[in-house]
C-alpha atoms as a PDB file:
ATOM      1  CA  MET A   1     -13.135 -35.276   9.379  1.00  0.00           C
ATOM      2  CA  SER A   2     -10.191 -36.342  11.429  1.00  0.00           C
ATOM      3  CA  VAL A   3      -7.078 -34.368  12.246  1.00  0.00           C
ATOM      4  CA  LYS A   4      -5.201 -36.309   9.559  1.00  0.00           C
ATOM      5  CA  ASP A   5      -7.638 -35.066   6.894  1.00  0.00           C
ATOM      6  CA  TYR A   6      -7.153 -31.460   7.984  1.00  0.00           C
ATOM      7  CA  ILE A   7      -3.372 -31.846   7.881  1.00  0.00           C
ATOM      8  CA  LEU A   8      -3.472 -33.411   4.405  1.00  0.00           C
ATOM      9  CA  CYS A   9      -5.785 -30.655   3.174  1.00  0.00           C
ATOM     10  CA  PHE A  10      -3.376 -28.057   4.542  1.00  0.00           C
ATOM     11  CA  ILE A  11      -0.369 -29.745   2.912  1.00  0.00           C
ATOM     12  CA  LYS A  12      -2.113 -29.936  -0.474  1.00  0.00           C
ATOM     13  CA  SER A  13      -3.199 -26.315  -0.373  1.00  0.00           C
ATOM     14  CA  PHE A  14       0.268 -25.223   0.761  1.00  0.00           C
ATOM     15  CA  LEU A  15       1.967 -27.107  -2.098  1.00  0.00           C
ATOM     16  CA  GLN A  16      -0.438 -25.742  -4.699  1.00  0.00           C
ATOM     17  CA  THR A  17      -0.181 -22.193  -3.376  1.00  0.00           C
ATOM     18  CA  SER A  18       3.611 -22.339  -3.299  1.00  0.00           C
ATOM     19  CA  MET A  19       3.673 -23.519  -6.928  1.00  0.00           C
ATOM     20  CA  ILE A  20       1.447 -20.631  -8.002  1.00  0.00           C
ATOM     21  CA  VAL A  21       3.518 -18.100  -6.039  1.00  0.00           C
ATOM     22  CA  ILE A  22       6.781 -19.395  -7.526  1.00  0.00           C
ATOM     23  CA  LEU A  23       5.309 -19.252 -11.036  1.00  0.00           C
ATOM     24  CA  SER A  24       4.003 -15.703 -10.489  1.00  0.00           C
ATOM     25  CA  LEU A  25       7.339 -14.498  -9.129  1.00  0.00           C
ATOM     26  CA  GLY A  26       9.112 -16.068 -12.091  1.00  0.00           C
ATOM     27  CA  ILE A  27       6.861 -14.289 -14.581  1.00  0.00           C
ATOM     28  CA  LEU A  28       7.301 -10.950 -12.788  1.00  0.00           C
ATOM     29  CA  TYR A  29      11.089 -11.408 -12.733  1.00  0.00           C
ATOM     30  CA  VAL A  30      11.136 -12.157 -16.473  1.00  0.00           C
ATOM     31  CA  ILE A  31       9.044  -9.053 -17.190  1.00  0.00           C
ATOM     32  CA  ARG A  32      11.453  -6.951 -15.111  1.00  0.00           C
ATOM     33  CA  ILE A  33      14.417  -8.293 -17.087  1.00  0.00           C
ATOM     34  CA  ASN A  34      12.541  -7.594 -20.338  1.00  0.00           C
ATOM     35  CA  LEU A  35      11.921  -4.004 -19.238  1.00  0.00           C
ATOM     36  CA  LYS A  36      15.613  -3.461 -18.473  1.00  0.00           C
ATOM     37  CA  PHE A  37      16.565  -4.965 -21.841  1.00  0.00           C
ATOM     38  CA  ALA A  38      14.015  -2.817 -23.699  1.00  0.00           C
ATOM     39  CA  ASN A  39      15.301   0.337 -21.980  1.00  0.00           C
ATOM     40  CA  TYR A  40      18.845  -0.686 -22.944  1.00  0.00           C
ATOM     41  CA  ILE A  41      17.804  -1.068 -26.600  1.00  0.00           C
ATOM     42  CA  SER A  42      16.036   2.298 -26.442  1.00  0.00           C
ATOM     43  CA  ASN A  43      19.114   4.027 -25.020  1.00  0.00           C
ATOM     44  CA  ILE A  44      21.535   2.407 -27.486  1.00  0.00           C
ATOM     45  CA  THR A  45      19.446   3.227 -30.575  1.00  0.00           C
ATOM     46  CA  GLY A  46      18.451   6.693 -29.388  1.00  0.00           C
ATOM     47  CA  ILE A  47      14.742   6.003 -29.850  1.00  0.00           C
ATOM     48  CA  PRO A  48      12.603   7.595 -27.111  1.00  0.00           C
ATOM     49  CA  SER A  49      11.108   4.931 -24.869  1.00  0.00           C
ATOM     50  CA  ASP A  50       7.622   6.415 -25.102  1.00  0.00           C
ATOM     51  CA  MET A  51       7.641   6.913 -28.886  1.00  0.00           C
ATOM     52  CA  SER A  52       4.357   5.726 -30.365  1.00  0.00           C
ATOM     53  CA  ILE A  53       3.755   5.046 -34.036  1.00  0.00           C
ATOM     54  CA  SER A  54       0.001   5.447 -33.609  1.00  0.00           C
ATOM     55  CA  VAL A  55      -2.439   6.590 -30.939  1.00  0.00           C
ATOM     56  CA  MET A  56      -3.158   2.991 -29.886  1.00  0.00           C
ATOM     57  CA  SER A  57       0.523   2.021 -29.665  1.00  0.00           C
ATOM     58  CA  ALA A  58       1.865   1.177 -26.224  1.00  0.00           C
ATOM     59  CA  GLY A  59       5.198   2.866 -26.885  1.00  0.00           C
ATOM     60  CA  PHE A  60       8.565   1.550 -28.060  1.00  0.00           C
ATOM     61  CA  VAL A  61       9.754   0.004 -24.790  1.00  0.00           C
ATOM     62  CA  ASN A  62       6.344  -1.353 -23.846  1.00  0.00           C
ATOM     63  CA  ASN A  63       5.962  -2.996 -27.264  1.00  0.00           C
ATOM     64  CA  ILE A  64       9.298  -4.761 -26.810  1.00  0.00           C
ATOM     65  CA  VAL A  65       8.311  -5.914 -23.311  1.00  0.00           C
ATOM     66  CA  ILE A  66       4.939  -7.202 -24.535  1.00  0.00           C
ATOM     67  CA  LEU A  67       6.472  -9.096 -27.465  1.00  0.00           C
ATOM     68  CA  MET A  68       9.298 -10.639 -25.437  1.00  0.00           C
ATOM     69  CA  SER A  69       7.007 -11.602 -22.542  1.00  0.00           C
ATOM     70  CA  THR A  70       4.536 -13.212 -24.938  1.00  0.00           C
ATOM     71  CA  MET A  71       7.281 -15.225 -26.633  1.00  0.00           C
ATOM     72  CA  GLU A  72       8.725 -16.335 -23.294  1.00  0.00           C
ATOM     73  CA  ILE A  73       5.340 -17.394 -21.903  1.00  0.00           C
ATOM     74  CA  VAL A  74       4.594 -19.370 -25.091  1.00  0.00           C
ATOM     75  CA  LEU A  75       8.007 -21.041 -24.791  1.00  0.00           C
ATOM     76  CA  PHE A  76       7.349 -21.813 -21.114  1.00  0.00           C
ATOM     77  CA  VAL A  77       3.967 -23.386 -21.913  1.00  0.00           C
ATOM     78  CA  TYR A  78       5.557 -25.457 -24.695  1.00  0.00           C
ATOM     79  CA  LEU A  79       8.304 -26.712 -22.367  1.00  0.00           C
ATOM     80  CA  PHE A  80       5.776 -27.391 -19.600  1.00  0.00           C
ATOM     81  CA  GLN A  81       3.705 -29.510 -21.990  1.00  0.00           C
ATOM     82  CA  LYS A  82       6.850 -31.508 -22.806  1.00  0.00           C
ATOM     83  CA  ILE A  83       7.603 -31.923 -19.087  1.00  0.00           C
ATOM     84  CA  MET A  84       4.040 -33.099 -18.431  1.00  0.00           C
ATOM     85  CA  LYS A  85       4.744 -36.163 -20.581  1.00  0.00           C
ATOM     86  CA  THR A  86       7.641 -37.350 -18.386  1.00  0.00           C
ATOM     87  CA  SER A  87       7.294 -40.061 -15.763  1.00  0.00           C
ATOM     88  CA  PHE A  88       8.783 -37.815 -13.052  1.00  0.00           C
ATOM     89  CA  TYR A  89       5.944 -35.338 -13.490  1.00  0.00           C
ATOM     90  CA  GLU A  90       3.344 -38.114 -13.407  1.00  0.00           C
ATOM     91  CA  LYS A  91       4.820 -39.599 -10.218  1.00  0.00           C
ATOM     92  CA  THR A  92       4.997 -36.182  -8.530  1.00  0.00           C
ATOM     93  CA  ARG A  93       1.459 -35.308  -9.587  1.00  0.00           C
ATOM     94  CA  SER A  94       0.051 -38.636  -8.396  1.00  0.00           C
ATOM     95  CA  PHE A  95       1.892 -38.226  -5.081  1.00  0.00           C
ATOM     96  CA  ILE A  96       0.365 -34.790  -4.480  1.00  0.00           C
ATOM     97  CA  VAL A  97      -3.108 -35.900  -5.574  1.00  0.00           C
ATOM     98  CA  ASN A  98      -3.033 -39.029  -3.412  1.00  0.00           C
ATOM     99  CA  LEU A  99      -1.920 -37.259  -0.230  1.00  0.00           C
END
């Protein structure tokens, strides 16, 4: 392998890692916002944040966070599938693959 191959391998791995890090930070930020919103709902309604309907329940606030995060991730996947069909995505993907 030449030096050029090592550089291209580094660039590819850097781009892929940065995409994964950005996606992970985005998901964590959304979950943090969901937690603040769920605590706000709990405080406004006067329902204790750790109130469980059953033994297996995660609690009022945690249930809201789980439901909202699930809906947002499903929406993100749906939008990402729509974006994958665009020519910009195909050109960007082929550029990264062909480096």
